[in-house]
Structure formats: structure tokens, C-alpha cells
């Protein structure tokens, strides 16, 4: 295997893993605050639809990115109000959000199905993109990939080294104690959910403006569910999410890679690999043995009743 082929594989892996990285970072922050939002798929689709419509109508990719993030945050606000203020079941509310987002994105994008735009172009960073093997993969991508890596660094630093990260973790572990210490539990959880929605919207914008610069119903192709499994796979640790996103990204292109090498393996079988891994991870999460070893936030998914 020559160097050029390895560079292309790494390039495609990073590119394919970027939307998973964005969604998983947002989902992790939400879950570390104690809120389980299963509506990632719906938020991605709404973000993708709104981003494409804005970019197509205004001929501005940057406007599309901003609108995509805002759309994801707005949809997540609906979830936050129902799940946190009205104290509804978070699992049921998240599933309803996915159904709602899927239908809303199909309705909004009905007139744009099959339309395409000129997507984001690669921006090669001087000197860095010439580093053998990793240069093209990390420093020869488009702006959305760089944004994803920057957000990863910011989230990692926030959760590891700042008071804000400590507050988020405290709220997710024991909201009653956090409230007794003077922290606004609902405010922290609202902010975490909105951040998760904005990140899902950014992932949708990446899909419709860069990865495949067009609009098609179901463009997310289950990435929201994969990202939820990725958070569990990473044990709610920021540093593991990046590696996990690239691993799932590599699994997504594995069928194309093996076909290129001439292996006679059914492409559909390999194409389902990321989803099979997702099911295995989620089943493991639901088992008692798995839950004990994954360091899940103690109040994850549990309703919080503010003191009167």
C-alpha cells in the first residue's frame, strides 16, 4: 500500500467522521449535564434542510452554516421545554423529536430535492498540508472540518480545565447537591441541550453544504443514532470521542476500500457495519454490567423537580 493511498484513506476517514464528531460532542455535553436527548437524528435533518435552503437561496455557504446551527438549537429548545420544564419522559420526548424533525425537514426541503450547490472547497494550510501521511488528512480539508477540530479542542479544554466543565459534571451527577451549592440546574441543562442542538445543526449543515452539497430526504442516514452510540462507546470522555468518530468514519468507508482492493465481499454487508456496531454498543449500554463500566452520569435521563 503506497503513501498516496494511505493519505487518501485518512483524508476520507477524517471527512466522514466529522459530522459524527460534531453531533457526538453536543450529545456528550447534554448527557454530562444529565439530559438524555435521543432527538439527534431529527435535529441533524432540520439543520441540514435549513442550511441548504439558506445557502441555495442567498448563495452564501457561511449563512447556511449559521442558519443550520440556529435551526438545530431552535428544535432542541422544544425538547428542552417539554423534557425539562414540563418534566416529561426524556426518552419518549427525544424519539418524538426525531420523528418531528424528520417530517419537518422533508416538508421544508420538498421543493429542493435533487438540487445541488457548489460545496465548500478544500483550504490547504501552508506547509502543514505537506506533512507526509497526516498532512492532507488534517490540514488539507475544508473549513467545516477545521471547525469541528477546533470545537473538539474547546470542549476538551472546557470539560477538563474550567469551572464551567465542573459545573456541568456536577449537575449531571447530582442535581440536588448542585442546587444546594447555588448552581442553576435548569439553566445549565437548558444551555447544554441548546449547545447539543446547535452542534447537531452544524453536522447537518456539513452534510448538505460540504460532504454531499445537495438536499435529499434522510441525508443524515442514521448518523444521529451512531453519534449517540459513539458517546457511550467513548464513556462520555471527550478525548475518546475524536478517535471514536474517526473509527466509525473508517467503518463507513470500509466497503468502498475493500471493493477497490478487489475483495469479493457483499458491499451491503460492509455498509451496514457502522449500524451493527451501534446496535451492539447500545445493547451493551443497557446491560447492568455495561452500565457500571461506562461511567455514565448518575442522573442521566432522570427527571429533576426544582424545589418550590
C-alpha atoms as a PDB file:
ATOM      1  CA  UNK A   1       0.000   0.000   0.000  1.00  0.00           C
ATOM      2  CA  UNK A   2       1.651   3.214  -1.151  1.00  0.00           C
ATOM      3  CA  UNK A   3       1.777   6.515   0.734  1.00  0.00           C
ATOM      4  CA  UNK A   4      -0.714   8.279  -1.553  1.00  0.00           C
ATOM      5  CA  UNK A   5      -3.358   5.620  -0.928  1.00  0.00           C
ATOM      6  CA  UNK A   6      -2.870   5.811   2.834  1.00  0.00           C
ATOM      7  CA  UNK A   7      -3.219   9.594   2.689  1.00  0.00           C
ATOM      8  CA  UNK A   8      -6.474   9.255   0.735  1.00  0.00           C
ATOM      9  CA  UNK A   9      -7.831   6.751   3.257  1.00  0.00           C
ATOM     10  CA  UNK A  10      -7.002   9.019   6.184  1.00  0.00           C
ATOM     11  CA  UNK A  11      -8.453  12.012   4.335  1.00  0.00           C
ATOM     12  CA  UNK A  12     -11.749  10.193   3.741  1.00  0.00           C
ATOM     13  CA  UNK A  13     -11.809   8.882   7.319  1.00  0.00           C
ATOM     14  CA  UNK A  14     -11.484  12.364   8.827  1.00  0.00           C
ATOM     15  CA  UNK A  15     -14.023  13.767   6.388  1.00  0.00           C
ATOM     16  CA  UNK A  16     -16.561  11.026   7.059  1.00  0.00           C
ATOM     17  CA  UNK A  17     -16.037  11.234  10.817  1.00  0.00           C
ATOM     18  CA  UNK A  18     -16.576  14.999  11.044  1.00  0.00           C
ATOM     19  CA  UNK A  19     -20.404  15.011  11.257  1.00  0.00           C
ATOM     20  CA  UNK A  20     -20.225  12.229  13.857  1.00  0.00           C
ATOM     21  CA  UNK A  21     -17.696  14.256  15.842  1.00  0.00           C
ATOM     22  CA  UNK A  22     -19.900  17.349  15.834  1.00  0.00           C
ATOM     23  CA  UNK A  23     -23.068  15.538  16.895  1.00  0.00           C
ATOM     24  CA  UNK A  24     -21.310  13.407  19.496  1.00  0.00           C
ATOM     25  CA  UNK A  25     -19.657  16.423  21.147  1.00  0.00           C
ATOM     26  CA  UNK A  26     -23.024  18.127  21.517  1.00  0.00           C
ATOM     27  CA  UNK A  27     -24.719  14.947  22.745  1.00  0.00           C
ATOM     28  CA  UNK A  28     -21.939  14.373  25.272  1.00  0.00           C
ATOM     29  CA  UNK A  29     -22.323  17.848  26.788  1.00  0.00           C
ATOM     30  CA  UNK A  30     -26.078  17.345  27.030  1.00  0.00           C
ATOM     31  CA  UNK A  31     -25.683  13.941  28.667  1.00  0.00           C
ATOM     32  CA  UNK A  32     -22.939  15.093  31.036  1.00  0.00           C
ATOM     33  CA  UNK A  33     -25.494  17.595  32.351  1.00  0.00           C
ATOM     34  CA  UNK A  34     -27.913  14.706  32.944  1.00  0.00           C
ATOM     35  CA  UNK A  35     -30.179  15.141  29.906  1.00  0.00           C
ATOM     36  CA  UNK A  36     -30.665  12.229  27.502  1.00  0.00           C
ATOM     37  CA  UNK A  37     -31.753  13.633  24.133  1.00  0.00           C
ATOM     38  CA  UNK A  38     -32.480  10.934  21.562  1.00  0.00           C
ATOM     39  CA  UNK A  39     -33.605  13.516  19.009  1.00  0.00           C
ATOM     40  CA  UNK A  40     -30.164  13.952  17.399  1.00  0.00           C
ATOM     41  CA  UNK A  41     -31.303  12.494  14.087  1.00  0.00           C
ATOM     42  CA  UNK A  42     -34.193  14.939  13.799  1.00  0.00           C
ATOM     43  CA  UNK A  43     -32.014  17.927  14.679  1.00  0.00           C
ATOM     44  CA  UNK A  44     -29.416  16.932  12.091  1.00  0.00           C
ATOM     45  CA  UNK A  45     -32.074  16.731   9.381  1.00  0.00           C
ATOM     46  CA  UNK A  46     -33.637  20.074  10.260  1.00  0.00           C
ATOM     47  CA  UNK A  47     -30.202  21.692  10.376  1.00  0.00           C
ATOM     48  CA  UNK A  48     -29.283  20.172   7.012  1.00  0.00           C
ATOM     49  CA  UNK A  49     -32.507  21.302   5.363  1.00  0.00           C
ATOM     50  CA  UNK A  50     -32.398  24.859   6.723  1.00  0.00           C
ATOM     51  CA  UNK A  51     -28.685  25.227   5.948  1.00  0.00           C
ATOM     52  CA  UNK A  52     -29.158  24.091   2.355  1.00  0.00           C
ATOM     53  CA  UNK A  53     -32.212  26.286   1.771  1.00  0.00           C
ATOM     54  CA  UNK A  54     -30.413  29.344   3.168  1.00  0.00           C
ATOM     55  CA  UNK A  55     -27.233  28.696   1.185  1.00  0.00           C
ATOM     56  CA  UNK A  56     -29.163  27.926  -2.008  1.00  0.00           C
ATOM     57  CA  UNK A  57     -31.396  30.998  -1.723  1.00  0.00           C
ATOM     58  CA  UNK A  58     -28.769  33.503  -0.592  1.00  0.00           C
ATOM     59  CA  UNK A  59     -25.796  31.950  -2.389  1.00  0.00           C
ATOM     60  CA  UNK A  60     -23.821  32.037   0.848  1.00  0.00           C
ATOM     61  CA  UNK A  61     -22.338  28.926   2.433  1.00  0.00           C
ATOM     62  CA  UNK A  62     -21.420  30.751   5.635  1.00  0.00           C
ATOM     63  CA  UNK A  63     -25.013  31.936   6.064  1.00  0.00           C
ATOM     64  CA  UNK A  64     -26.112  28.361   5.561  1.00  0.00           C
ATOM     65  CA  UNK A  65     -23.796  27.162   8.328  1.00  0.00           C
ATOM     66  CA  UNK A  66     -25.129  29.780  10.765  1.00  0.00           C
ATOM     67  CA  UNK A  67     -28.760  29.037   9.891  1.00  0.00           C
ATOM     68  CA  UNK A  68     -28.148  25.302  10.257  1.00  0.00           C
ATOM     69  CA  UNK A  69     -26.740  25.751  13.770  1.00  0.00           C
ATOM     70  CA  UNK A  70     -29.594  28.076  14.770  1.00  0.00           C
ATOM     71  CA  UNK A  71     -32.191  25.665  13.391  1.00  0.00           C
ATOM     72  CA  UNK A  72     -30.730  22.786  15.378  1.00  0.00           C
ATOM     73  CA  UNK A  73     -30.681  24.899  18.537  1.00  0.00           C
ATOM     74  CA  UNK A  74     -34.281  26.027  17.997  1.00  0.00           C
ATOM     75  CA  UNK A  75     -35.532  22.461  17.605  1.00  0.00           C
ATOM     76  CA  UNK A  76     -33.601  21.409  20.705  1.00  0.00           C
ATOM     77  CA  UNK A  77     -35.321  24.231  22.598  1.00  0.00           C
ATOM     78  CA  UNK A  78     -38.626  22.446  22.012  1.00  0.00           C
ATOM     79  CA  UNK A  79     -37.166  19.314  23.554  1.00  0.00           C
ATOM     80  CA  UNK A  80     -35.737  21.282  26.489  1.00  0.00           C
ATOM     81  CA  UNK A  81     -39.078  22.908  27.262  1.00  0.00           C
ATOM     82  CA  UNK A  82     -41.032  19.649  27.145  1.00  0.00           C
ATOM     83  CA  UNK A  83     -38.446  17.490  28.915  1.00  0.00           C
ATOM     84  CA  UNK A  84     -37.088  19.968  31.474  1.00  0.00           C
ATOM     85  CA  UNK A  85     -39.836  22.482  32.162  1.00  0.00           C
ATOM     86  CA  UNK A  86     -42.800  20.142  31.732  1.00  0.00           C
ATOM     87  CA  UNK A  87     -40.734  17.239  33.157  1.00  0.00           C
ATOM     88  CA  UNK A  88     -41.820  14.717  30.545  1.00  0.00           C
ATOM     89  CA  UNK A  89     -40.075  11.416  29.870  1.00  0.00           C
ATOM     90  CA  UNK A  90     -36.798  12.270  28.146  1.00  0.00           C
ATOM     91  CA  UNK A  91     -36.630   9.087  26.079  1.00  0.00           C
ATOM     92  CA  UNK A  92     -40.142   9.493  24.689  1.00  0.00           C
ATOM     93  CA  UNK A  93     -39.612  13.202  24.064  1.00  0.00           C
ATOM     94  CA  UNK A  94     -36.370  12.565  22.201  1.00  0.00           C
ATOM     95  CA  UNK A  95     -37.948   9.911  19.989  1.00  0.00           C
ATOM     96  CA  UNK A  96     -40.830  12.275  19.252  1.00  0.00           C
ATOM     97  CA  UNK A  97     -38.299  14.970  18.342  1.00  0.00           C
ATOM     98  CA  UNK A  98     -36.647  12.642  15.840  1.00  0.00           C
ATOM     99  CA  UNK A  99     -39.991  11.900  14.193  1.00  0.00           C
ATOM    100  CA  UNK A 100     -40.884  15.600  14.199  1.00  0.00           C
ATOM    101  CA  UNK A 101     -37.532  16.648  12.769  1.00  0.00           C
ATOM    102  CA  UNK A 102     -37.659  14.014  10.044  1.00  0.00           C
ATOM    103  CA  UNK A 103     -41.089  15.163   8.910  1.00  0.00           C
ATOM    104  CA  UNK A 104     -40.286  18.877   9.212  1.00  0.00           C
ATOM    105  CA  UNK A 105     -37.096  18.561   7.171  1.00  0.00           C
ATOM    106  CA  UNK A 106     -38.952  16.658   4.445  1.00  0.00           C
ATOM    107  CA  UNK A 107     -41.635  19.367   4.377  1.00  0.00           C
ATOM    108  CA  UNK A 108     -39.177  22.269   4.278  1.00  0.00           C
ATOM    109  CA  UNK A 109     -36.977  20.688   1.629  1.00  0.00           C
ATOM    110  CA  UNK A 110     -39.721  19.319  -0.610  1.00  0.00           C
ATOM    111  CA  UNK A 111     -39.056  21.911  -3.327  1.00  0.00           C
ATOM    112  CA  UNK A 112     -35.282  21.429  -3.151  1.00  0.00           C
ATOM    113  CA  UNK A 113     -35.000  17.653  -3.534  1.00  0.00           C
ATOM    114  CA  UNK A 114     -32.251  16.878  -6.037  1.00  0.00           C
ATOM    115  CA  UNK A 115     -30.992  20.467  -6.150  1.00  0.00           C
ATOM    116  CA  UNK A 116     -27.256  20.917  -5.710  1.00  0.00           C
ATOM    117  CA  UNK A 117     -24.879  23.755  -4.944  1.00  0.00           C
ATOM    118  CA  UNK A 118     -21.161  24.332  -5.177  1.00  0.00           C
ATOM    119  CA  UNK A 119     -19.978  22.985  -1.859  1.00  0.00           C
ATOM    120  CA  UNK A 120     -17.128  24.061   0.348  1.00  0.00           C
ATOM    121  CA  UNK A 121     -13.681  23.794  -1.170  1.00  0.00           C
ATOM    122  CA  UNK A 122     -10.548  22.488   0.472  1.00  0.00           C
ATOM    123  CA  UNK A 123      -8.338  25.004   2.242  1.00  0.00           C
ATOM    124  CA  UNK A 124      -4.788  23.703   2.475  1.00  0.00           C
ATOM    125  CA  UNK A 125      -2.869  25.144   5.399  1.00  0.00           C
ATOM    126  CA  UNK A 126       0.580  26.351   4.302  1.00  0.00           C
ATOM    127  CA  UNK A 127       3.405  23.880   4.971  1.00  0.00           C
ATOM    128  CA  UNK A 128       1.284  21.743   7.316  1.00  0.00           C
ATOM    129  CA  UNK A 129      -0.625  20.030   4.498  1.00  0.00           C
ATOM    130  CA  UNK A 130       2.684  18.785   3.101  1.00  0.00           C
ATOM    131  CA  UNK A 131       3.453  16.687   6.175  1.00  0.00           C
ATOM    132  CA  UNK A 132       3.643  13.068   4.966  1.00  0.00           C
ATOM    133  CA  UNK A 133       0.646  10.868   5.711  1.00  0.00           C
ATOM    134  CA  UNK A 134      -1.267  13.091   8.147  1.00  0.00           C
ATOM    135  CA  UNK A 135      -0.828  16.415   6.349  1.00  0.00           C
ATOM    136  CA  UNK A 136      -3.606  16.065   3.740  1.00  0.00           C
ATOM    137  CA  UNK A 137      -5.957  14.397   6.247  1.00  0.00           C
ATOM    138  CA  UNK A 138      -5.698  17.057   8.953  1.00  0.00           C
ATOM    139  CA  UNK A 139      -4.545  20.180   7.128  1.00  0.00           C
ATOM    140  CA  UNK A 140      -5.993  19.825   3.626  1.00  0.00           C
ATOM    141  CA  UNK A 141      -9.702  19.798   4.490  1.00  0.00           C
ATOM    142  CA  UNK A 142     -12.496  22.346   4.200  1.00  0.00           C
ATOM    143  CA  UNK A 143     -13.422  24.915   6.839  1.00  0.00           C
ATOM    144  CA  UNK A 144     -16.112  22.777   8.462  1.00  0.00           C
ATOM    145  CA  UNK A 145     -13.591  20.058   9.270  1.00  0.00           C
ATOM    146  CA  UNK A 146     -11.309  22.656  10.861  1.00  0.00           C
ATOM    147  CA  UNK A 147     -14.299  23.997  12.793  1.00  0.00           C
ATOM    148  CA  UNK A 148     -15.044  20.511  14.077  1.00  0.00           C
ATOM    149  CA  UNK A 149     -11.479  20.012  15.283  1.00  0.00           C
ATOM    150  CA  UNK A 150     -11.479  23.461  16.905  1.00  0.00           C
ATOM    151  CA  UNK A 151     -14.732  22.756  18.718  1.00  0.00           C
ATOM    152  CA  UNK A 152     -13.321  19.442  19.896  1.00  0.00           C
ATOM    153  CA  UNK A 153     -10.321  21.254  21.402  1.00  0.00           C
ATOM    154  CA  UNK A 154     -12.588  23.821  23.077  1.00  0.00           C
ATOM    155  CA  UNK A 155     -14.903  21.181  24.537  1.00  0.00           C
ATOM    156  CA  UNK A 156     -11.936  19.123  25.738  1.00  0.00           C
ATOM    157  CA  UNK A 157     -10.408  22.149  27.473  1.00  0.00           C
ATOM    158  CA  UNK A 158     -13.751  23.249  28.936  1.00  0.00           C
ATOM    159  CA  UNK A 159     -14.636  19.866  30.424  1.00  0.00           C
ATOM    160  CA  UNK A 160     -11.137  19.199  31.703  1.00  0.00           C
ATOM    161  CA  UNK A 161      -9.819  22.532  32.929  1.00  0.00           C
ATOM    162  CA  UNK A 162     -12.597  25.050  33.580  1.00  0.00           C
ATOM    163  CA  UNK A 163     -15.142  25.782  36.280  1.00  0.00           C
ATOM    164  CA  UNK A 164     -17.916  25.553  33.688  1.00  0.00           C
ATOM    165  CA  UNK A 165     -16.975  21.967  32.933  1.00  0.00           C
ATOM    166  CA  UNK A 166     -17.019  21.159  36.640  1.00  0.00           C
ATOM    167  CA  UNK A 167     -20.493  22.681  36.987  1.00  0.00           C
ATOM    168  CA  UNK A 168     -21.825  20.658  34.046  1.00  0.00           C
ATOM    169  CA  UNK A 169     -20.458  17.459  35.537  1.00  0.00           C
ATOM    170  CA  UNK A 170     -21.835  18.312  38.969  1.00  0.00           C
ATOM    171  CA  UNK A 171     -25.314  18.931  37.581  1.00  0.00           C
ATOM    172  CA  UNK A 172     -25.199  15.639  35.705  1.00  0.00           C
ATOM    173  CA  UNK A 173     -24.008  13.634  38.706  1.00  0.00           C
ATOM    174  CA  UNK A 174     -26.290  15.036  41.408  1.00  0.00           C
ATOM    175  CA  UNK A 175     -28.582  17.969  40.546  1.00  0.00           C
ATOM    176  CA  UNK A 176     -29.900  18.227  44.134  1.00  0.00           C
ATOM    177  CA  UNK A 177     -26.414  18.788  45.521  1.00  0.00           C
ATOM    178  CA  UNK A 178     -25.586  21.182  42.668  1.00  0.00           C
ATOM    179  CA  UNK A 179     -28.708  23.180  43.523  1.00  0.00           C
ATOM    180  CA  UNK A 180     -27.733  23.234  47.196  1.00  0.00           C
ATOM    181  CA  UNK A 181     -24.366  24.685  46.182  1.00  0.00           C
ATOM    182  CA  UNK A 182     -26.159  27.524  44.393  1.00  0.00           C
ATOM    183  CA  UNK A 183     -25.996  26.379  40.767  1.00  0.00           C
ATOM    184  CA  UNK A 184     -28.969  26.909  38.462  1.00  0.00           C
ATOM    185  CA  UNK A 185     -29.618  23.317  37.425  1.00  0.00           C
ATOM    186  CA  UNK A 186     -32.313  24.035  34.852  1.00  0.00           C
ATOM    187  CA  UNK A 187     -30.312  26.884  33.329  1.00  0.00           C
ATOM    188  CA  UNK A 188     -27.237  24.668  32.969  1.00  0.00           C
ATOM    189  CA  UNK A 189     -29.287  21.873  31.430  1.00  0.00           C
ATOM    190  CA  UNK A 190     -31.070  24.244  29.038  1.00  0.00           C
ATOM    191  CA  UNK A 191     -27.717  25.617  27.882  1.00  0.00           C
ATOM    192  CA  UNK A 192     -26.293  22.101  27.450  1.00  0.00           C
ATOM    193  CA  UNK A 193     -29.297  20.978  25.377  1.00  0.00           C
ATOM    194  CA  UNK A 194     -29.142  24.098  23.200  1.00  0.00           C
ATOM    195  CA  UNK A 195     -25.430  23.534  22.620  1.00  0.00           C
ATOM    196  CA  UNK A 196     -26.154  19.951  21.624  1.00  0.00           C
ATOM    197  CA  UNK A 197     -28.825  21.119  19.197  1.00  0.00           C
ATOM    198  CA  UNK A 198     -26.514  23.688  17.636  1.00  0.00           C
ATOM    199  CA  UNK A 199     -23.818  21.036  17.163  1.00  0.00           C
ATOM    200  CA  UNK A 200     -26.325  18.683  15.528  1.00  0.00           C
ATOM    201  CA  UNK A 201     -27.394  21.539  13.259  1.00  0.00           C
ATOM    202  CA  UNK A 202     -23.754  22.146  12.321  1.00  0.00           C
ATOM    203  CA  UNK A 203     -23.410  18.454  11.467  1.00  0.00           C
ATOM    204  CA  UNK A 204     -26.460  18.730   9.233  1.00  0.00           C
ATOM    205  CA  UNK A 205     -25.022  21.833   7.582  1.00  0.00           C
ATOM    206  CA  UNK A 206     -21.792  19.952   6.917  1.00  0.00           C
ATOM    207  CA  UNK A 207     -23.689  17.123   5.242  1.00  0.00           C
ATOM    208  CA  UNK A 208     -25.738  19.324   2.923  1.00  0.00           C
ATOM    209  CA  UNK A 209     -23.128  22.010   2.213  1.00  0.00           C
ATOM    210  CA  UNK A 210     -19.862  20.093   2.081  1.00  0.00           C
ATOM    211  CA  UNK A 211     -19.999  16.314   2.331  1.00  0.00           C
ATOM    212  CA  UNK A 212     -22.727  15.957  -0.307  1.00  0.00           C
ATOM    213  CA  UNK A 213     -23.632  19.523  -1.348  1.00  0.00           C
ATOM    214  CA  UNK A 214     -27.250  18.818  -2.209  1.00  0.00           C
ATOM    215  CA  UNK A 215     -30.543  18.156  -0.479  1.00  0.00           C
ATOM    216  CA  UNK A 216     -32.153  14.749  -0.223  1.00  0.00           C
ATOM    217  CA  UNK A 217     -34.591  13.429   2.347  1.00  0.00           C
ATOM    218  CA  UNK A 218     -32.890  11.353   5.014  1.00  0.00           C
ATOM    219  CA  UNK A 219     -29.483  12.814   4.199  1.00  0.00           C
ATOM    220  CA  UNK A 220     -28.298  12.053   7.742  1.00  0.00           C
ATOM    221  CA  UNK A 221     -28.545   8.288   7.077  1.00  0.00           C
ATOM    222  CA  UNK A 222     -28.725   7.374  10.755  1.00  0.00           C
ATOM    223  CA  UNK A 223     -25.713   9.381  11.869  1.00  0.00           C
ATOM    224  CA  UNK A 224     -27.621  10.739  14.845  1.00  0.00           C
ATOM    225  CA  UNK A 225     -28.059   7.243  16.247  1.00  0.00           C
ATOM    226  CA  UNK A 226     -24.443   6.375  15.537  1.00  0.00           C
ATOM    227  CA  UNK A 227     -23.338   9.505  17.400  1.00  0.00           C
ATOM    228  CA  UNK A 228     -25.415   8.522  20.430  1.00  0.00           C
ATOM    229  CA  UNK A 229     -23.709   5.133  20.471  1.00  0.00           C
ATOM    230  CA  UNK A 230     -20.362   6.870  19.985  1.00  0.00           C
ATOM    231  CA  UNK A 231     -20.819   8.862  23.188  1.00  0.00           C
ATOM    232  CA  UNK A 232     -21.378   5.620  25.082  1.00  0.00           C
ATOM    233  CA  UNK A 233     -18.507   3.977  23.224  1.00  0.00           C
ATOM    234  CA  UNK A 234     -16.280   6.843  24.392  1.00  0.00           C
ATOM    235  CA  UNK A 235     -17.505   6.506  28.006  1.00  0.00           C
ATOM    236  CA  UNK A 236     -18.591  10.169  27.979  1.00  0.00           C
ATOM    237  CA  UNK A 237     -14.952  11.251  27.672  1.00  0.00           C
ATOM    238  CA  UNK A 238     -14.126  13.994  25.214  1.00  0.00           C
ATOM    239  CA  UNK A 239     -10.710  12.684  24.190  1.00  0.00           C
ATOM    240  CA  UNK A 240     -12.183   9.335  23.162  1.00  0.00           C
ATOM    241  CA  UNK A 241     -14.926  10.851  21.034  1.00  0.00           C
ATOM    242  CA  UNK A 242     -12.473  12.062  18.389  1.00  0.00           C
ATOM    243  CA  UNK A 243     -10.903   8.621  17.992  1.00  0.00           C
ATOM    244  CA  UNK A 244     -14.329   7.009  18.036  1.00  0.00           C
ATOM    245  CA  UNK A 245     -15.643   9.341  15.331  1.00  0.00           C
ATOM    246  CA  UNK A 246     -12.718   8.511  13.084  1.00  0.00           C
ATOM    247  CA  UNK A 247     -13.144   4.803  13.825  1.00  0.00           C
ATOM    248  CA  UNK A 248     -16.821   4.895  12.884  1.00  0.00           C
ATOM    249  CA  UNK A 249     -15.896   7.039   9.878  1.00  0.00           C
ATOM    250  CA  UNK A 250     -13.395   4.424   8.731  1.00  0.00           C
ATOM    251  CA  UNK A 251     -16.026   1.710   9.167  1.00  0.00           C
ATOM    252  CA  UNK A 252     -18.324   3.743   6.910  1.00  0.00           C
ATOM    253  CA  UNK A 253     -15.842   3.741   4.027  1.00  0.00           C
ATOM    254  CA  UNK A 254     -14.552   0.209   4.569  1.00  0.00           C
ATOM    255  CA  UNK A 255     -16.824  -1.309   1.939  1.00  0.00           C
ATOM    256  CA  UNK A 256     -15.516   1.112  -0.690  1.00  0.00           C
ATOM    257  CA  UNK A 257     -11.939   0.388   0.327  1.00  0.00           C
ATOM    258  CA  UNK A 258     -12.290  -3.390   0.095  1.00  0.00           C
ATOM    259  CA  UNK A 259     -14.059  -3.118  -3.234  1.00  0.00           C
ATOM    260  CA  UNK A 260     -11.130  -1.054  -4.501  1.00  0.00           C
ATOM    261  CA  UNK A 261      -8.757  -3.820  -3.457  1.00  0.00           C
ATOM    262  CA  UNK A 262     -10.856  -6.342  -5.357  1.00  0.00           C
ATOM    263  CA  UNK A 263     -12.168  -8.343  -2.399  1.00  0.00           C
ATOM    264  CA  UNK A 264     -15.386 -10.184  -3.198  1.00  0.00           C
ATOM    265  CA  UNK A 265     -17.348  -9.139  -0.121  1.00  0.00           C
ATOM    266  CA  UNK A 266     -21.012  -8.068  -0.391  1.00  0.00           C
ATOM    267  CA  UNK A 267     -20.991  -4.282  -0.261  1.00  0.00           C
ATOM    268  CA  UNK A 268     -24.312  -4.124   1.579  1.00  0.00           C
ATOM    269  CA  UNK A 269     -22.920  -6.316   4.343  1.00  0.00           C
ATOM    270  CA  UNK A 270     -19.979  -3.982   4.930  1.00  0.00           C
ATOM    271  CA  UNK A 271     -22.085  -0.838   4.517  1.00  0.00           C
ATOM    272  CA  UNK A 272     -24.200  -1.894   7.494  1.00  0.00           C
ATOM    273  CA  UNK A 273     -21.118  -2.321   9.718  1.00  0.00           C
ATOM    274  CA  UNK A 274     -21.369   1.100  11.458  1.00  0.00           C
ATOM    275  CA  UNK A 275     -25.026   0.459  12.270  1.00  0.00           C
ATOM    276  CA  UNK A 276     -24.292  -3.046  13.549  1.00  0.00           C
ATOM    277  CA  UNK A 277     -21.626  -1.598  15.833  1.00  0.00           C
ATOM    278  CA  UNK A 278     -24.171   0.981  17.009  1.00  0.00           C
ATOM    279  CA  UNK A 279     -26.668  -1.731  17.989  1.00  0.00           C
ATOM    280  CA  UNK A 280     -24.014  -3.730  19.845  1.00  0.00           C
ATOM    281  CA  UNK A 281     -22.871  -0.660  21.798  1.00  0.00           C
ATOM    282  CA  UNK A 282     -26.429   0.348  22.736  1.00  0.00           C
ATOM    283  CA  UNK A 283     -27.307  -3.185  23.847  1.00  0.00           C
ATOM    284  CA  UNK A 284     -24.146  -3.264  25.958  1.00  0.00           C
ATOM    285  CA  UNK A 285     -25.088   0.094  27.465  1.00  0.00           C
ATOM    286  CA  UNK A 286     -28.474  -1.245  28.550  1.00  0.00           C
ATOM    287  CA  UNK A 287     -26.921  -4.203  30.361  1.00  0.00           C
ATOM    288  CA  UNK A 288     -26.095  -3.776  34.040  1.00  0.00           C
ATOM    289  CA  UNK A 289     -22.523  -4.906  33.564  1.00  0.00           C
ATOM    290  CA  UNK A 290     -22.022  -2.438  30.715  1.00  0.00           C
ATOM    291  CA  UNK A 291     -23.597   0.471  32.532  1.00  0.00           C
ATOM    292  CA  UNK A 292     -21.343   0.001  35.553  1.00  0.00           C
ATOM    293  CA  UNK A 293     -18.179   0.151  33.486  1.00  0.00           C
ATOM    294  CA  UNK A 294     -19.015   3.082  31.244  1.00  0.00           C
ATOM    295  CA  UNK A 295     -19.025   5.868  33.861  1.00  0.00           C
ATOM    296  CA  UNK A 296     -22.403   7.243  32.787  1.00  0.00           C
ATOM    297  CA  UNK A 297     -23.581  10.387  34.608  1.00  0.00           C
ATOM    298  CA  UNK A 298     -25.605   9.234  37.596  1.00  0.00           C
ATOM    299  CA  UNK A 299     -28.648  11.406  36.886  1.00  0.00           C
ATOM    300  CA  UNK A 300     -28.690  10.742  33.134  1.00  0.00           C
ATOM    301  CA  UNK A 301     -32.279  10.684  31.906  1.00  0.00           C
ATOM    302  CA  UNK A 302     -33.744  11.185  35.366  1.00  0.00           C
ATOM    303  CA  UNK A 303     -36.309  13.983  35.828  1.00  0.00           C
ATOM    304  CA  UNK A 304     -35.336  16.897  38.026  1.00  0.00           C
ATOM    305  CA  UNK A 305     -38.012  18.530  40.160  1.00  0.00           C
ATOM    306  CA  UNK A 306     -36.935  22.040  41.150  1.00  0.00           C
ATOM    307  CA  UNK A 307     -37.605  22.814  44.813  1.00  0.00           C
ATOM    308  CA  UNK A 308     -40.580  25.045  45.364  1.00  0.00           C
END
